[in-house]
Amino acid sequence: MDATEVTEEAVKLAKGGLSSAQVGARLRDGLGIPSVRAVTGQRLTPLLARQGIKPDVPEDLQALLRRVVHLQRHLAQHPADLSNRRGLSLMESRIRRLARYYRERKLLPENWSYTAASAVLQVE
């Protein structure tokens, strides 16, 4: 496959609702393309961004939000689980630091902020 075919396939998969990591895995496992960068000369996320496909929230931040929501549900059922309560606190701190990084680099809107309620809404 040449670069245009790989780009078209990646765009088709991304428009189908897959994240760039899932698109890369699908291209690797399904089509035998070990590296989009080796074929197209650019990484997958910027390639998709140039095609107009850009997530609202970066993938690593989205993954952290999913983990926080899962922990919040766990702690609602198990309020005495202090080790996971500390883990939730550490994860929320990581989200705030990462959000500050992305706001400085204009990948998130300036008014974006983390709250527990907004995390639930963004994940669902």
Protein backbone atom coordinates (compact mmCIF):
# COMPACT_ATOMS: atom_id res chain seq x y z
CA MET A 1 0.00 0.00 0.00
CA ASP A 2 1.20 3.49 -0.75
CA ALA A 3 0.87 6.61 1.40
CA THR A 4 -2.44 7.79 -0.04
CA GLU A 5 -4.12 4.41 0.49
CA VAL A 6 -2.86 4.24 4.07
CA THR A 7 -4.09 7.79 4.71
CA GLU A 8 -7.51 7.01 3.25
CA GLU A 9 -7.83 3.86 5.34
CA ALA A 10 -6.73 5.69 8.51
CA VAL A 11 -9.24 8.49 7.89
CA LYS A 12 -12.01 5.97 7.26
CA LEU A 13 -11.25 4.15 10.52
CA ALA A 14 -10.96 7.40 12.49
CA LYS A 15 -14.29 8.65 11.15
CA GLY A 16 -15.74 5.34 12.31
CA GLY A 17 -15.09 6.42 15.88
CA LEU A 18 -11.71 4.85 16.61
CA SER A 19 -8.95 6.71 18.42
CA SER A 20 -5.59 7.13 16.72
CA ALA A 21 -4.11 4.35 18.86
CA GLN A 22 -6.93 2.02 17.81
CA VAL A 23 -6.51 3.07 14.17
CA GLY A 24 -2.79 2.26 14.36
CA ALA A 25 -3.48 -1.13 15.91
CA ARG A 26 -6.13 -1.91 13.29
CA LEU A 27 -3.76 -0.95 10.47
CA ARG A 28 -0.99 -3.03 12.01
CA ASP A 29 -3.08 -6.12 12.74
CA GLY A 30 -5.55 -6.03 9.88
CA LEU A 31 -3.58 -4.64 6.97
CA GLY A 32 -0.02 -5.52 7.95
CA ILE A 33 1.23 -1.93 8.14
CA PRO A 34 3.73 -1.94 10.99
CA SER A 35 4.24 1.83 11.04
CA VAL A 36 2.17 4.58 9.48
CA ARG A 37 5.16 6.87 9.85
CA ALA A 38 7.34 4.55 7.77
CA VAL A 39 4.81 4.57 4.93
CA THR A 40 3.56 8.17 4.99
CA GLY A 41 6.49 10.00 6.54
CA GLN A 42 4.43 11.46 9.38
CA ARG A 43 2.88 10.26 12.59
CA LEU A 44 -0.73 9.13 12.70
CA THR A 45 -2.20 11.83 14.96
CA PRO A 46 -0.85 14.79 12.93
CA LEU A 47 -1.84 12.96 9.75
CA LEU A 48 -5.43 12.71 10.99
CA ALA A 49 -5.36 16.33 12.20
CA ARG A 50 -4.40 17.50 8.70
CA GLN A 51 -7.39 15.59 7.37
CA GLY A 52 -9.64 17.46 9.81
CA ILE A 53 -10.04 14.68 12.36
CA LYS A 54 -8.93 15.90 15.76
CA PRO A 55 -10.31 14.75 19.12
CA ASP A 56 -11.76 17.34 21.50
CA VAL A 57 -9.61 16.02 24.32
CA PRO A 58 -6.16 14.43 23.77
CA GLU A 59 -6.14 10.65 24.07
CA ASP A 60 -3.95 10.38 27.16
CA LEU A 61 -6.16 12.84 29.03
CA GLN A 62 -9.25 10.97 27.87
CA ALA A 63 -7.79 7.69 29.19
CA LEU A 64 -7.12 9.30 32.57
CA LEU A 65 -10.67 10.63 32.69
CA ARG A 66 -12.01 7.12 32.01
CA ARG A 67 -9.89 5.73 34.85
CA VAL A 68 -11.10 8.44 37.24
CA VAL A 69 -14.75 7.74 36.44
CA HIS A 70 -14.17 4.04 37.02
CA LEU A 71 -12.51 4.77 40.38
CA GLN A 72 -15.30 7.13 41.41
CA ARG A 73 -17.87 4.41 40.79
CA HIS A 74 -15.76 1.93 42.74
CA LEU A 75 -15.42 4.32 45.68
CA ALA A 76 -19.16 4.97 45.68
CA GLN A 77 -19.66 1.27 46.43
CA HIS A 78 -16.57 0.87 48.66
CA PRO A 79 -16.15 4.09 50.65
CA ALA A 80 -13.63 2.55 53.07
CA ASP A 81 -11.12 1.75 50.30
CA LEU A 82 -8.51 4.30 51.35
CA SER A 83 -5.73 3.16 49.03
CA ASN A 84 -7.92 3.71 45.97
CA ARG A 85 -9.09 7.04 47.40
CA ARG A 86 -5.45 8.12 47.46
CA GLY A 87 -5.01 6.75 43.94
CA LEU A 88 -7.97 8.85 42.82
CA SER A 89 -6.43 11.94 44.37
CA LEU A 90 -3.11 11.29 42.61
CA MET A 91 -4.86 10.67 39.30
CA GLU A 92 -6.86 13.89 39.59
CA SER A 93 -3.60 15.76 40.22
CA ARG A 94 -2.13 14.17 37.11
CA ILE A 95 -5.16 15.27 35.10
CA ARG A 96 -4.80 18.86 36.30
CA ARG A 97 -1.09 18.94 35.43
CA LEU A 98 -1.70 17.44 32.00
CA ALA A 99 -4.58 19.85 31.37
CA ARG A 100 -2.32 22.79 32.24
CA TYR A 101 0.27 21.46 29.77
CA TYR A 102 -2.32 21.14 26.99
CA ARG A 103 -3.84 24.56 27.70
CA GLU A 104 -0.40 26.16 27.44
CA ARG A 105 0.12 24.50 24.06
CA LYS A 106 -3.38 25.44 22.87
CA LEU A 107 -4.55 21.82 22.52
CA LEU A 108 -7.33 22.45 25.03
CA PRO A 109 -9.52 25.54 25.33
CA GLU A 110 -8.35 28.06 27.94
CA ASN A 111 -11.57 27.63 29.92
CA TRP A 112 -11.31 23.81 30.14
CA SER A 113 -11.01 22.61 33.71
CA TYR A 114 -11.36 19.29 35.45
CA THR A 115 -14.26 18.53 37.75
CA ALA A 116 -15.56 15.14 38.78
CA ALA A 117 -18.94 15.85 37.17
CA SER A 118 -17.40 16.97 33.88
CA ALA A 119 -15.27 13.81 33.79
CA VAL A 120 -18.39 11.67 33.92
CA LEU A 121 -19.99 13.69 31.12
CA GLN A 122 -16.91 13.59 28.89
CA VAL A 123 -16.46 9.84 29.25
CA GLU A 124 -20.08 8.96 28.49
